[in-house]
Amino acid sequence: MREDLILSEKEAVKADRSTERRIPGIIADIKSLLKGLVLVSNVLPVFTGLWLALYFTNASFAAHWEVFLLTIIGSTLVMAGALILNNWYDADIDAKMARTRKRPTVTGNFPLQVVMAMGIGLSILGFIFLFFTTIEATVYALIGWFTYVVLYTMWSKRRYTWNTVIGSVSGAVTPLIGWAAIAPVFHTVPIVLFLILFIWQMPHTFAIAIKYCDEYKAAGVKMLPVVHGVERTKRQMVVYIACLLPLSFFLGQLGTPFLIIATLMNVGWLALGISGLFTKNDLKWARWNFIYSVNYITLLFFMMVLVTLV
């Protein structure tokens, strides 16, 4: 009896240790499935759009805290659903790329049918939350979801180099969702926020495409550097970065400090972009552009909120 008891205790300990080892793996799989950093970076513009709508309409946060919660939760769920569906649909090409072949849709840790159900379920749940804000906010979320899931993921990504343009639309509507939850978007500020995000995503995505050009080529994804070469891609990046420069001046109501810092960041990125026309180390240059672009957009939208508090 004692030997059986000892064996069963050992087996229980092993099972507990096995469970402990699996939990971090499951968390990592969920984070990968949701593309954690991408999801978080898309929630920030939603919050910024909502916050600036409150600021420019002289509305109080206390009177709209329920709308705030519904908007943030709803938009997060919609975006999470879209990202999951992207992983579900792209499982075949993700298996061919080193940076994506550990995703649970490739390893089989999550069955594809389950992933699809999760993506659809979270999307529907998110739209239900947003429906209790405004119809306009829900429509913008639907535009973003449809553009990303259908027009980008399922249609253009594997066929056309301008898939990046389509994908940029889905990311650019995020501040419109936040603003529209409070007020109509017929205002300079949300339109400029849309343009900033739309243009920013082009050089940001091109930097990623240059960095992983060989992997995209192996997977058959029609990214610009894969089809037309790195040099043409670098030239287009410079053009898009230059287009960002005047946009911050349309946000003059946010104050001179904001304009100065935003302009300095734009000039810095433009200088980095132009340096790529003369560099021989394209991969290193692309990595620096990626890092700069992520910090640029995070700081820019964070500053938009910060300057309204001081």
Protein backbone atom coordinates (compact mmCIF):
# COMPACT_ATOMS: atom_id res chain seq x y z
CA MET A 1 0.00 0.00 0.00
CA ARG A 2 2.81 2.38 0.95
CA GLU A 3 4.68 1.70 -2.31
CA ASP A 4 1.51 2.41 -4.31
CA LEU A 5 0.99 5.59 -2.32
CA ILE A 6 4.58 6.70 -2.89
CA LEU A 7 4.29 5.99 -6.64
CA SER A 8 1.03 7.88 -6.92
CA GLU A 9 2.57 10.83 -5.05
CA LYS A 10 5.55 10.83 -7.43
CA GLU A 11 3.23 10.72 -10.40
CA ALA A 12 1.24 13.65 -8.98
CA VAL A 13 4.45 15.66 -8.50
CA LYS A 14 5.52 14.90 -12.07
CA ALA A 15 2.08 15.93 -13.34
CA ASP A 16 2.26 19.19 -11.37
CA ARG A 17 5.74 19.92 -12.73
CA SER A 18 4.58 19.10 -16.24
CA THR A 19 1.64 21.48 -15.84
CA GLU A 20 3.97 24.19 -14.51
CA ARG A 21 6.16 23.76 -17.59
CA ARG A 22 3.15 23.89 -19.94
CA ILE A 23 1.62 27.08 -18.49
CA PRO A 24 4.41 29.42 -19.70
CA GLY A 25 4.23 27.69 -23.09
CA ILE A 26 0.47 28.24 -23.32
CA ILE A 27 0.88 31.89 -22.37
CA ALA A 28 3.59 32.30 -25.00
CA ASP A 29 1.33 30.64 -27.60
CA ILE A 30 -1.58 32.95 -26.76
CA LYS A 31 0.72 35.97 -26.92
CA SER A 32 1.99 34.81 -30.31
CA LEU A 33 -1.54 34.14 -31.54
CA LEU A 34 -2.65 37.63 -30.52
CA LYS A 35 0.59 39.21 -31.82
CA GLY A 36 0.85 40.88 -28.41
CA LEU A 37 2.96 43.92 -29.30
CA VAL A 38 0.94 44.59 -32.45
CA LEU A 39 -2.30 44.44 -30.46
CA VAL A 40 -1.03 46.84 -27.78
CA SER A 41 0.36 49.26 -30.36
CA ASN A 42 -3.07 49.41 -32.02
CA VAL A 43 -4.92 50.09 -28.76
CA LEU A 44 -2.85 53.22 -28.05
CA PRO A 45 -4.23 55.17 -31.08
CA VAL A 46 -7.77 54.19 -30.08
CA PHE A 47 -7.18 55.64 -26.62
CA THR A 48 -5.49 58.73 -28.07
CA GLY A 49 -8.37 59.36 -30.47
CA LEU A 50 -10.91 59.06 -27.66
CA TRP A 51 -8.89 61.21 -25.28
CA LEU A 52 -8.39 64.00 -27.84
CA ALA A 53 -12.10 63.91 -28.68
CA LEU A 54 -12.84 64.59 -25.03
CA TYR A 55 -10.25 67.37 -24.97
CA PHE A 56 -11.36 69.18 -28.13
CA THR A 57 -15.07 68.91 -27.33
CA ASN A 58 -14.54 70.04 -23.72
CA ALA A 59 -16.18 66.87 -22.44
CA SER A 60 -15.21 65.31 -19.12
CA PHE A 61 -13.75 61.86 -18.75
CA ALA A 62 -15.86 61.23 -15.66
CA ALA A 63 -19.05 61.66 -17.70
CA HIS A 64 -17.84 59.22 -20.36
CA TRP A 65 -15.97 56.53 -18.41
CA GLU A 66 -18.48 53.86 -19.47
CA VAL A 67 -17.98 54.78 -23.13
CA PHE A 68 -14.23 54.67 -22.54
CA LEU A 69 -14.37 51.12 -21.16
CA LEU A 70 -16.71 49.89 -23.89
CA THR A 71 -14.54 51.43 -26.61
CA ILE A 72 -11.22 50.11 -25.34
CA ILE A 73 -12.55 46.62 -24.57
CA GLY A 74 -14.56 46.40 -27.79
CA SER A 75 -11.81 47.64 -30.09
CA THR A 76 -9.23 45.40 -28.40
CA LEU A 77 -11.44 42.34 -28.90
CA VAL A 78 -12.13 43.23 -32.56
CA MET A 79 -8.43 43.70 -33.27
CA ALA A 80 -7.53 40.53 -31.39
CA GLY A 81 -10.07 38.61 -33.46
CA ALA A 82 -8.66 40.04 -36.68
CA LEU A 83 -5.08 39.17 -35.71
CA ILE A 84 -6.10 35.63 -34.76
CA LEU A 85 -7.86 35.16 -38.10
CA ASN A 86 -4.74 36.42 -39.84
CA ASN A 87 -2.73 33.73 -38.05
CA TRP A 88 -5.33 31.12 -38.94
CA TYR A 89 -5.34 31.97 -42.64
CA ASP A 90 -1.56 32.40 -42.92
CA ALA A 91 -0.61 29.15 -41.19
CA ASP A 92 0.76 27.69 -44.45
CA ILE A 93 3.11 30.59 -45.23
CA ASP A 94 4.03 31.08 -41.56
CA ALA A 95 5.46 27.55 -41.65
CA LYS A 96 7.94 28.67 -44.33
CA MET A 97 9.27 31.66 -42.38
CA ALA A 98 11.76 31.31 -39.51
CA ARG A 99 10.27 34.20 -37.52
CA THR A 100 6.73 32.77 -37.60
CA ARG A 101 7.14 29.00 -37.64
CA LYS A 102 6.83 28.78 -33.85
CA ARG A 103 3.31 30.21 -33.86
CA PRO A 104 0.77 27.77 -32.36
CA THR A 105 -1.05 27.58 -35.70
CA VAL A 106 2.14 26.13 -37.21
CA THR A 107 3.28 23.92 -34.33
CA GLY A 108 -0.22 22.48 -33.94
CA ASN A 109 -0.48 23.52 -30.30
CA PHE A 110 -3.80 25.14 -31.20
CA PRO A 111 -5.96 23.33 -33.80
CA LEU A 112 -6.82 25.56 -36.76
CA GLN A 113 -10.56 25.08 -36.28
CA VAL A 114 -10.25 26.28 -32.69
CA VAL A 115 -8.18 29.28 -33.81
CA MET A 116 -10.77 30.22 -36.42
CA ALA A 117 -13.57 29.95 -33.86
CA MET A 118 -11.61 32.12 -31.43
CA GLY A 119 -11.02 34.77 -34.09
CA ILE A 120 -14.66 34.91 -35.11
CA GLY A 121 -15.92 34.80 -31.52
CA LEU A 122 -13.69 37.60 -30.26
CA SER A 123 -14.54 39.74 -33.29
CA ILE A 124 -18.29 39.37 -32.75
CA LEU A 125 -17.94 40.04 -29.02
CA GLY A 126 -15.90 43.16 -29.74
CA PHE A 127 -18.49 44.51 -32.15
CA ILE A 128 -21.21 43.96 -29.54
CA PHE A 129 -19.27 46.08 -27.04
CA LEU A 130 -18.69 48.81 -29.62
CA PHE A 131 -22.34 48.80 -30.64
CA PHE A 132 -23.13 50.26 -27.20
CA THR A 133 -20.93 53.29 -27.94
CA THR A 134 -21.89 54.78 -31.32
CA ILE A 135 -22.77 53.36 -34.71
CA GLU A 136 -20.00 55.45 -36.27
CA ALA A 137 -17.33 53.91 -34.04
CA THR A 138 -18.65 50.44 -34.85
CA VAL A 139 -18.54 51.17 -38.59
CA TYR A 140 -14.90 52.28 -38.43
CA ALA A 141 -14.04 49.13 -36.50
CA LEU A 142 -15.81 47.07 -39.15
CA ILE A 143 -13.89 48.85 -41.91
CA GLY A 144 -10.61 48.10 -40.14
CA TRP A 145 -11.54 44.46 -39.51
CA PHE A 146 -12.77 43.82 -43.06
CA THR A 147 -9.77 45.57 -44.62
CA TYR A 148 -7.28 43.57 -42.56
CA VAL A 149 -8.91 40.15 -42.61
CA VAL A 150 -10.46 40.05 -46.09
CA LEU A 151 -8.80 42.64 -48.32
CA TYR A 152 -5.29 42.30 -46.88
CA THR A 153 -4.92 38.79 -45.44
CA MET A 154 -7.13 36.79 -47.78
CA TRP A 155 -6.87 38.77 -51.01
CA SER A 156 -3.88 41.05 -51.59
CA LYS A 157 -1.04 39.82 -49.34
CA ARG A 158 -0.02 36.95 -51.61
CA ARG A 159 -0.85 38.65 -54.91
CA TYR A 160 0.14 42.32 -55.00
CA THR A 161 2.96 44.51 -53.72
CA TRP A 162 0.44 47.18 -52.74
CA ASN A 163 -0.89 44.86 -50.04
CA THR A 164 0.96 47.20 -47.67
CA VAL A 165 -1.28 50.10 -48.68
CA ILE A 166 -4.39 48.05 -47.93
CA GLY A 167 -2.99 46.84 -44.63
CA SER A 168 -2.17 50.41 -43.65
CA VAL A 169 -5.82 51.42 -43.93
CA SER A 170 -6.84 48.90 -41.28
CA GLY A 171 -4.30 50.25 -38.81
CA ALA A 172 -5.05 53.88 -39.58
CA VAL A 173 -8.75 53.72 -38.62
CA THR A 174 -7.96 52.98 -34.97
CA PRO A 175 -7.97 56.63 -33.75
CA LEU A 176 -11.20 57.17 -35.67
CA ILE A 177 -12.83 54.45 -33.57
CA GLY A 178 -11.85 56.23 -30.37
CA TRP A 179 -12.84 59.69 -31.59
CA ALA A 180 -16.17 58.53 -33.06
CA ALA A 181 -17.16 57.01 -29.73
CA ILE A 182 -17.32 60.59 -28.40
CA ALA A 183 -18.00 62.84 -31.41
CA PRO A 184 -18.31 62.74 -35.23
CA VAL A 185 -14.94 62.54 -37.00
CA PHE A 186 -15.58 65.59 -39.21
CA HIS A 187 -12.71 67.36 -37.48
CA THR A 188 -9.13 68.09 -38.49
CA VAL A 189 -7.54 66.17 -35.62
CA PRO A 190 -8.90 62.63 -36.26
CA ILE A 191 -8.30 63.01 -40.00
CA VAL A 192 -4.67 63.99 -39.37
CA LEU A 193 -4.28 61.07 -36.95
CA PHE A 194 -5.57 58.76 -39.67
CA LEU A 195 -3.09 60.18 -42.20
CA ILE A 196 -0.16 59.94 -39.78
CA LEU A 197 -0.85 56.27 -39.06
CA PHE A 198 -1.53 55.44 -42.70
CA ILE A 199 1.70 57.01 -43.96
CA TRP A 200 3.78 55.79 -40.99
CA GLN A 201 2.86 52.17 -41.63
CA MET A 202 4.37 52.23 -45.12
CA PRO A 203 8.06 52.80 -44.17
CA HIS A 204 7.55 50.79 -40.97
CA THR A 205 6.31 47.77 -42.92
CA PHE A 206 8.91 48.22 -45.67
CA ALA A 207 11.65 48.10 -43.02
CA ILE A 208 10.28 44.75 -41.85
CA ALA A 209 10.02 43.54 -45.45
CA ILE A 210 13.67 44.40 -46.14
CA LYS A 211 14.78 42.74 -42.92
CA TYR A 212 12.95 39.50 -43.76
CA CYS A 213 13.09 39.76 -47.54
CA ASP A 214 14.47 36.24 -48.06
CA GLU A 215 11.79 34.73 -45.83
CA TYR A 216 8.98 36.57 -47.61
CA LYS A 217 10.41 35.39 -50.93
CA ALA A 218 10.49 31.77 -49.74
CA ALA A 219 6.88 32.06 -48.53
CA GLY A 220 5.70 33.65 -51.78
CA VAL A 221 4.50 36.89 -50.18
CA LYS A 222 4.52 39.77 -52.69
CA MET A 223 6.27 42.40 -50.61
CA LEU A 224 7.83 45.35 -52.44
CA PRO A 225 11.52 44.43 -51.90
CA VAL A 226 10.78 40.85 -52.97
CA VAL A 227 9.29 41.91 -56.32
CA HIS A 228 11.01 45.22 -57.12
CA GLY A 229 14.17 45.11 -55.03
CA VAL A 230 15.54 46.78 -51.90
CA GLU A 231 16.78 49.96 -53.60
CA ARG A 232 13.34 50.90 -54.89
CA THR A 233 11.87 50.12 -51.49
CA LYS A 234 14.36 52.41 -49.75
CA ARG A 235 13.51 55.29 -52.09
CA GLN A 236 9.81 54.87 -51.39
CA MET A 237 10.51 54.82 -47.66
CA VAL A 238 12.20 58.21 -47.88
CA VAL A 239 9.20 59.65 -49.74
CA TYR A 240 6.72 58.38 -47.15
CA ILE A 241 8.84 59.59 -44.21
CA ALA A 242 9.07 63.04 -45.83
CA CYS A 243 5.26 63.09 -46.15
CA LEU A 244 4.98 62.81 -42.36
CA LEU A 245 6.91 66.03 -41.81
CA PRO A 246 4.12 68.59 -42.44
CA LEU A 247 1.31 66.64 -40.77
CA SER A 248 2.17 67.56 -37.19
CA PHE A 249 1.69 71.26 -38.06
CA PHE A 250 -2.02 70.55 -38.52
CA LEU A 251 -2.06 69.70 -34.81
CA GLY A 252 -0.88 73.14 -33.76
CA GLN A 253 -3.62 73.30 -31.12
CA LEU A 254 -1.60 70.80 -29.10
CA GLY A 255 1.02 73.48 -28.50
CA THR A 256 4.51 74.54 -29.50
CA PRO A 257 6.44 71.93 -27.45
CA PHE A 258 4.54 69.16 -29.24
CA LEU A 259 5.28 70.67 -32.65
CA ILE A 260 8.99 71.06 -31.87
CA ILE A 261 9.45 67.50 -30.60
CA ALA A 262 7.34 65.99 -33.41
CA THR A 263 9.32 67.93 -36.03
CA LEU A 264 12.65 66.87 -34.54
CA MET A 265 11.55 63.24 -34.58
CA ASN A 266 10.41 63.58 -38.20
CA VAL A 267 13.70 65.19 -39.25
CA GLY A 268 15.67 62.51 -37.43
CA TRP A 269 13.78 59.72 -39.19
CA LEU A 270 14.13 61.45 -42.55
CA ALA A 271 17.90 61.71 -42.04
CA LEU A 272 18.01 58.01 -41.18
CA GLY A 273 15.93 57.22 -44.24
CA ILE A 274 18.16 59.23 -46.59
CA SER A 275 21.26 57.54 -45.15
CA GLY A 276 19.87 54.27 -46.47
CA LEU A 277 20.35 55.48 -50.04
CA PHE A 278 24.12 55.36 -49.44
CA THR A 279 24.51 52.42 -47.08
CA LYS A 280 25.84 49.02 -48.04
CA ASN A 281 24.42 47.24 -44.99
CA ASP A 282 20.72 47.17 -45.81
CA LEU A 283 19.79 44.76 -43.03
CA LYS A 284 21.36 46.87 -40.29
CA TRP A 285 19.76 49.99 -41.74
CA ALA A 286 16.35 48.27 -41.90
CA ARG A 287 16.65 47.17 -38.25
CA TRP A 288 17.38 50.74 -37.17
CA ASN A 289 14.43 52.02 -39.19
CA PHE A 290 12.15 49.47 -37.58
CA ILE A 291 13.31 50.44 -34.08
CA TYR A 292 12.99 54.15 -34.88
CA SER A 293 9.52 53.74 -36.38
CA VAL A 294 8.15 51.88 -33.36
CA ASN A 295 9.52 54.46 -30.92
CA TYR A 296 8.43 57.33 -33.17
CA ILE A 297 4.76 56.38 -33.30
CA THR A 298 4.61 55.42 -29.61
CA LEU A 299 6.16 58.69 -28.44
CA LEU A 300 4.11 60.77 -30.87
CA PHE A 301 0.75 59.43 -29.71
CA PHE A 302 1.84 59.41 -26.08
CA MET A 303 2.81 63.10 -26.38
CA MET A 304 -0.58 63.95 -27.86
CA VAL A 305 -2.15 62.82 -24.59
CA LEU A 306 0.56 64.21 -22.33
CA VAL A 307 0.42 67.78 -23.66
CA THR A 308 -3.29 67.96 -22.85
CA LEU A 309 -2.55 67.21 -19.20
CA VAL A 310 0.01 69.95 -18.58
